[in-house]
Amino acid sequence: MNPEERKTLYETAELVQENNNILRGMRRSARFAVIWKIFYWALILGFAYQGYVMVQPYLNAMIQTYTEMQKNLQSIKDVGSKIPTLPSSITNILKK
């Protein structure tokens, strides 16, 4: 092997080593990014779940109140239908 080929071979080996170091760094960065994204979404989902757990009793109370209000309104409507209609003579008097 002549000196020129040897020099080219060493330069190639240095470039290969440099590329290998760069690629390892890129792979490490990609792994860190994946781990960070998993942590990020786990944190977001954890806070969302905790918020739901904290608000759930209030939501249940609101739903129960709404249901009771519907029942009360229906019973008021039922009372109106249970009252007998006024005789036509009384309604004529009231209209005057």
N, C-alpha and C. Protein backbone atom coordinates (compact mmCIF):
# COMPACT_ATOMS: atom_id res chain seq x y z
N MET A 1 0.85 -1.16 0.00
CA MET A 1 0.00 0.00 0.00
C MET A 1 0.91 1.24 0.00
N ASN A 2 0.67 2.12 -0.92
CA ASN A 2 1.52 3.30 -1.01
C ASN A 2 1.04 4.36 -0.02
N PRO A 3 1.85 5.38 0.26
CA PRO A 3 1.50 6.38 1.27
C PRO A 3 0.21 7.14 0.95
N GLU A 4 -0.05 7.39 -0.32
CA GLU A 4 -1.27 8.12 -0.70
C GLU A 4 -2.51 7.30 -0.35
N GLU A 5 -2.51 6.01 -0.64
CA GLU A 5 -3.65 5.15 -0.31
C GLU A 5 -3.82 5.03 1.20
N ARG A 6 -2.70 4.94 1.90
CA ARG A 6 -2.75 4.84 3.36
C ARG A 6 -3.38 6.12 3.95
N LYS A 7 -2.99 7.28 3.42
CA LYS A 7 -3.53 8.56 3.89
C LYS A 7 -5.04 8.61 3.63
N THR A 8 -5.47 8.20 2.44
CA THR A 8 -6.89 8.18 2.10
C THR A 8 -7.64 7.22 3.01
N LEU A 9 -7.07 6.08 3.32
CA LEU A 9 -7.69 5.10 4.20
C LEU A 9 -7.86 5.68 5.61
N TYR A 10 -6.84 6.35 6.14
CA TYR A 10 -6.95 6.96 7.47
C TYR A 10 -7.99 8.09 7.49
N GLU A 11 -8.04 8.89 6.44
CA GLU A 11 -9.04 9.96 6.37
C GLU A 11 -10.45 9.37 6.35
N THR A 12 -10.60 8.29 5.58
CA THR A 12 -11.90 7.62 5.51
C THR A 12 -12.28 7.05 6.87
N ALA A 13 -11.33 6.47 7.56
CA ALA A 13 -11.59 5.91 8.89
C ALA A 13 -11.99 7.01 9.86
N GLU A 14 -11.32 8.17 9.79
CA GLU A 14 -11.68 9.30 10.66
C GLU A 14 -13.09 9.79 10.35
N LEU A 15 -13.43 9.88 9.06
CA LEU A 15 -14.77 10.32 8.68
C LEU A 15 -15.83 9.33 9.14
N VAL A 16 -15.53 8.04 9.02
CA VAL A 16 -16.47 7.01 9.47
C VAL A 16 -16.69 7.12 10.98
N GLN A 17 -15.59 7.33 11.72
CA GLN A 17 -15.71 7.47 13.17
C GLN A 17 -16.53 8.71 13.55
N GLU A 18 -16.29 9.82 12.84
CA GLU A 18 -17.04 11.04 13.10
C GLU A 18 -18.52 10.85 12.79
N ASN A 19 -18.83 10.21 11.66
CA ASN A 19 -20.22 9.93 11.30
C ASN A 19 -20.88 9.02 12.33
N ASN A 20 -20.13 8.05 12.82
CA ASN A 20 -20.66 7.13 13.82
C ASN A 20 -21.01 7.90 15.10
N ASN A 21 -20.14 8.81 15.51
CA ASN A 21 -20.42 9.61 16.71
C ASN A 21 -21.65 10.50 16.50
N ILE A 22 -21.76 11.09 15.33
CA ILE A 22 -22.92 11.93 15.04
C ILE A 22 -24.20 11.10 15.05
N LEU A 23 -24.17 9.94 14.42
CA LEU A 23 -25.36 9.08 14.37
C LEU A 23 -25.76 8.59 15.76
N ARG A 24 -24.80 8.26 16.61
CA ARG A 24 -25.11 7.85 17.98
C ARG A 24 -25.77 8.99 18.75
N GLY A 25 -25.26 10.21 18.55
CA GLY A 25 -25.87 11.37 19.19
C GLY A 25 -27.29 11.60 18.72
N MET A 26 -27.53 11.42 17.43
CA MET A 26 -28.88 11.58 16.89
C MET A 26 -29.81 10.52 17.46
N ARG A 27 -29.34 9.30 17.57
CA ARG A 27 -30.16 8.22 18.12
C ARG A 27 -30.48 8.49 19.58
N ARG A 28 -29.49 8.97 20.33
CA ARG A 28 -29.72 9.31 21.74
C ARG A 28 -30.74 10.43 21.87
N SER A 29 -30.64 11.44 21.01
CA SER A 29 -31.61 12.54 21.03
C SER A 29 -33.01 12.05 20.69
N ALA A 30 -33.11 11.13 19.73
CA ALA A 30 -34.42 10.59 19.36
C ALA A 30 -35.03 9.81 20.51
N ARG A 31 -34.21 9.02 21.21
CA ARG A 31 -34.72 8.27 22.36
C ARG A 31 -35.19 9.22 23.45
N PHE A 32 -34.40 10.25 23.71
CA PHE A 32 -34.79 11.23 24.72
C PHE A 32 -36.10 11.91 24.34
N ALA A 33 -36.27 12.22 23.06
CA ALA A 33 -37.49 12.88 22.59
C ALA A 33 -38.70 11.96 22.80
N VAL A 34 -38.55 10.67 22.53
CA VAL A 34 -39.66 9.73 22.73
C VAL A 34 -40.01 9.63 24.21
N ILE A 35 -38.98 9.52 25.04
CA ILE A 35 -39.23 9.43 26.48
C ILE A 35 -39.90 10.70 26.98
N TRP A 36 -39.46 11.85 26.50
CA TRP A 36 -40.05 13.12 26.91
C TRP A 36 -41.52 13.21 26.49
N LYS A 37 -41.82 12.76 25.26
CA LYS A 37 -43.21 12.82 24.79
C LYS A 37 -44.10 11.91 25.62
N ILE A 38 -43.61 10.73 25.97
CA ILE A 38 -44.39 9.82 26.81
C ILE A 38 -44.66 10.47 28.16
N PHE A 39 -43.63 11.04 28.75
CA PHE A 39 -43.79 11.72 30.04
C PHE A 39 -44.76 12.89 29.92
N TYR A 40 -44.64 13.65 28.85
CA TYR A 40 -45.49 14.83 28.61
C TYR A 40 -46.96 14.42 28.54
N TRP A 41 -47.26 13.42 27.74
CA TRP A 41 -48.66 12.99 27.59
C TRP A 41 -49.18 12.31 28.84
N ALA A 42 -48.32 11.57 29.54
CA ALA A 42 -48.74 10.96 30.80
C ALA A 42 -49.09 12.06 31.80
N LEU A 43 -48.32 13.12 31.82
CA LEU A 43 -48.59 14.24 32.71
C LEU A 43 -49.91 14.92 32.35
N ILE A 44 -50.12 15.17 31.08
CA ILE A 44 -51.37 15.81 30.64
C ILE A 44 -52.57 14.93 30.97
N LEU A 45 -52.48 13.64 30.67
CA LEU A 45 -53.60 12.74 30.96
C LEU A 45 -53.83 12.61 32.46
N GLY A 46 -52.75 12.61 33.23
CA GLY A 46 -52.88 12.54 34.69
C GLY A 46 -53.60 13.75 35.24
N PHE A 47 -53.23 14.95 34.77
CA PHE A 47 -53.90 16.17 35.23
C PHE A 47 -55.36 16.18 34.79
N ALA A 48 -55.63 15.72 33.57
CA ALA A 48 -57.02 15.69 33.09
C ALA A 48 -57.86 14.74 33.94
N TYR A 49 -57.32 13.58 34.24
CA TYR A 49 -58.04 12.61 35.07
C TYR A 49 -58.27 13.18 36.47
N GLN A 50 -57.24 13.79 37.05
CA GLN A 50 -57.37 14.37 38.38
C GLN A 50 -58.43 15.47 38.40
N GLY A 51 -58.44 16.27 37.35
CA GLY A 51 -59.46 17.32 37.25
C GLY A 51 -60.86 16.72 37.17
N TYR A 52 -61.00 15.66 36.40
CA TYR A 52 -62.31 15.00 36.29
C TYR A 52 -62.74 14.44 37.65
N VAL A 53 -61.81 13.81 38.36
CA VAL A 53 -62.15 13.23 39.66
C VAL A 53 -62.56 14.32 40.64
N MET A 54 -61.92 15.48 40.57
CA MET A 54 -62.25 16.57 41.48
C MET A 54 -63.60 17.21 41.14
N VAL A 55 -63.97 17.26 39.87
CA VAL A 55 -65.19 17.93 39.43
C VAL A 55 -66.39 16.98 39.44
N GLN A 56 -66.15 15.68 39.42
CA GLN A 56 -67.22 14.70 39.30
C GLN A 56 -68.31 14.84 40.37
N PRO A 57 -67.99 15.04 41.66
CA PRO A 57 -69.09 15.19 42.63
C PRO A 57 -70.00 16.38 42.33
N TYR A 58 -69.41 17.46 41.87
CA TYR A 58 -70.22 18.64 41.53
C TYR A 58 -71.10 18.36 40.31
N LEU A 59 -70.54 17.65 39.33
CA LEU A 59 -71.34 17.29 38.16
C LEU A 59 -72.49 16.38 38.54
N ASN A 60 -72.23 15.42 39.40
CA ASN A 60 -73.30 14.52 39.84
C ASN A 60 -74.39 15.29 40.57
N ALA A 61 -74.00 16.24 41.40
CA ALA A 61 -75.00 17.05 42.12
C ALA A 61 -75.81 17.88 41.14
N MET A 62 -75.16 18.45 40.14
CA MET A 62 -75.89 19.24 39.14
C MET A 62 -76.86 18.37 38.35
N ILE A 63 -76.43 17.20 37.97
CA ILE A 63 -77.30 16.30 37.21
C ILE A 63 -78.50 15.88 38.07
N GLN A 64 -78.25 15.59 39.33
CA GLN A 64 -79.34 15.21 40.22
C GLN A 64 -80.32 16.36 40.40
N THR A 65 -79.82 17.57 40.57
CA THR A 65 -80.68 18.75 40.71
C THR A 65 -81.50 18.97 39.45
N TYR A 66 -80.88 18.82 38.30
CA TYR A 66 -81.59 18.98 37.03
C TYR A 66 -82.69 17.95 36.90
N THR A 67 -82.42 16.71 37.26
CA THR A 67 -83.42 15.65 37.19
C THR A 67 -84.59 15.95 38.12
N GLU A 68 -84.29 16.41 39.32
CA GLU A 68 -85.36 16.75 40.26
C GLU A 68 -86.19 17.92 39.75
N MET A 69 -85.53 18.90 39.13
CA MET A 69 -86.27 20.03 38.57
C MET A 69 -87.21 19.57 37.47
N GLN A 70 -86.76 18.66 36.64
CA GLN A 70 -87.63 18.14 35.58
C GLN A 70 -88.85 17.45 36.17
N LYS A 71 -88.63 16.66 37.22
CA LYS A 71 -89.75 15.97 37.87
C LYS A 71 -90.73 16.98 38.47
N ASN A 72 -90.19 18.02 39.11
CA ASN A 72 -91.06 19.05 39.71
C ASN A 72 -91.86 19.79 38.65
N LEU A 73 -91.22 20.13 37.54
CA LEU A 73 -91.94 20.81 36.46
C LEU A 73 -93.03 19.91 35.88
N GLN A 74 -92.72 18.66 35.75
CA GLN A 74 -93.73 17.72 35.24
C GLN A 74 -94.89 17.61 36.21
N SER A 75 -94.60 17.59 37.51
CA SER A 75 -95.69 17.50 38.48
C SER A 75 -96.53 18.77 38.47
N ILE A 76 -95.91 19.94 38.23
CA ILE A 76 -96.68 21.18 38.12
C ILE A 76 -97.59 21.13 36.90
N LYS A 77 -97.10 20.60 35.80
CA LYS A 77 -97.93 20.46 34.61
C LYS A 77 -99.08 19.49 34.86
N ASP A 78 -98.79 18.44 35.60
CA ASP A 78 -99.84 17.46 35.91
C ASP A 78 -100.92 18.07 36.79
N VAL A 79 -100.53 18.95 37.71
CA VAL A 79 -101.52 19.60 38.58
C VAL A 79 -102.46 20.45 37.73
N GLY A 80 -101.91 21.15 36.75
CA GLY A 80 -102.75 21.96 35.87
C GLY A 80 -103.76 21.14 35.12
N SER A 81 -103.40 19.94 34.74
CA SER A 81 -104.35 19.10 34.00
C SER A 81 -105.36 18.44 34.93
N LYS A 82 -105.06 18.34 36.22
CA LYS A 82 -105.98 17.72 37.16
C LYS A 82 -107.07 18.69 37.64
N ILE A 83 -106.81 19.99 37.52
CA ILE A 83 -107.82 20.98 37.92
C ILE A 83 -108.96 20.92 36.90
N PRO A 84 -110.18 20.77 37.40
CA PRO A 84 -111.28 20.70 36.44
C PRO A 84 -111.44 22.04 35.72
N THR A 85 -111.89 21.95 34.52
CA THR A 85 -112.09 23.18 33.75
C THR A 85 -113.26 23.95 34.32
N LEU A 86 -113.17 25.24 34.21
CA LEU A 86 -114.25 26.09 34.72
C LEU A 86 -115.46 25.97 33.80
N PRO A 87 -116.61 26.03 34.36
CA PRO A 87 -117.80 25.98 33.51
C PRO A 87 -117.80 27.19 32.57
N SER A 88 -118.43 27.01 31.46
CA SER A 88 -118.43 28.05 30.44
C SER A 88 -119.11 29.33 30.93
N SER A 89 -120.08 29.22 31.84
CA SER A 89 -120.74 30.43 32.34
C SER A 89 -119.76 31.27 33.16
N ILE A 90 -118.90 30.63 33.92
CA ILE A 90 -117.93 31.37 34.73
C ILE A 90 -116.86 31.98 33.83
N THR A 91 -116.43 31.26 32.84
CA THR A 91 -115.42 31.80 31.94
C THR A 91 -115.96 33.00 31.16
N ASN A 92 -117.27 32.98 30.83
CA ASN A 92 -117.88 34.11 30.15
C ASN A 92 -117.90 35.34 31.05
N ILE A 93 -118.14 35.11 32.32
CA ILE A 93 -118.17 36.22 33.28
C ILE A 93 -116.76 36.80 33.45
N LEU A 94 -115.80 35.89 33.51
CA LEU A 94 -114.42 36.35 33.69
C LEU A 94 -113.90 37.11 32.49
N LYS A 95 -114.38 36.79 31.32
CA LYS A 95 -113.92 37.45 30.10
C LYS A 95 -114.42 38.88 30.04
N LYS A 96 -115.60 39.17 30.66
CA LYS A 96 -116.20 40.50 30.58
C LYS A 96 -115.45 41.41 31.44
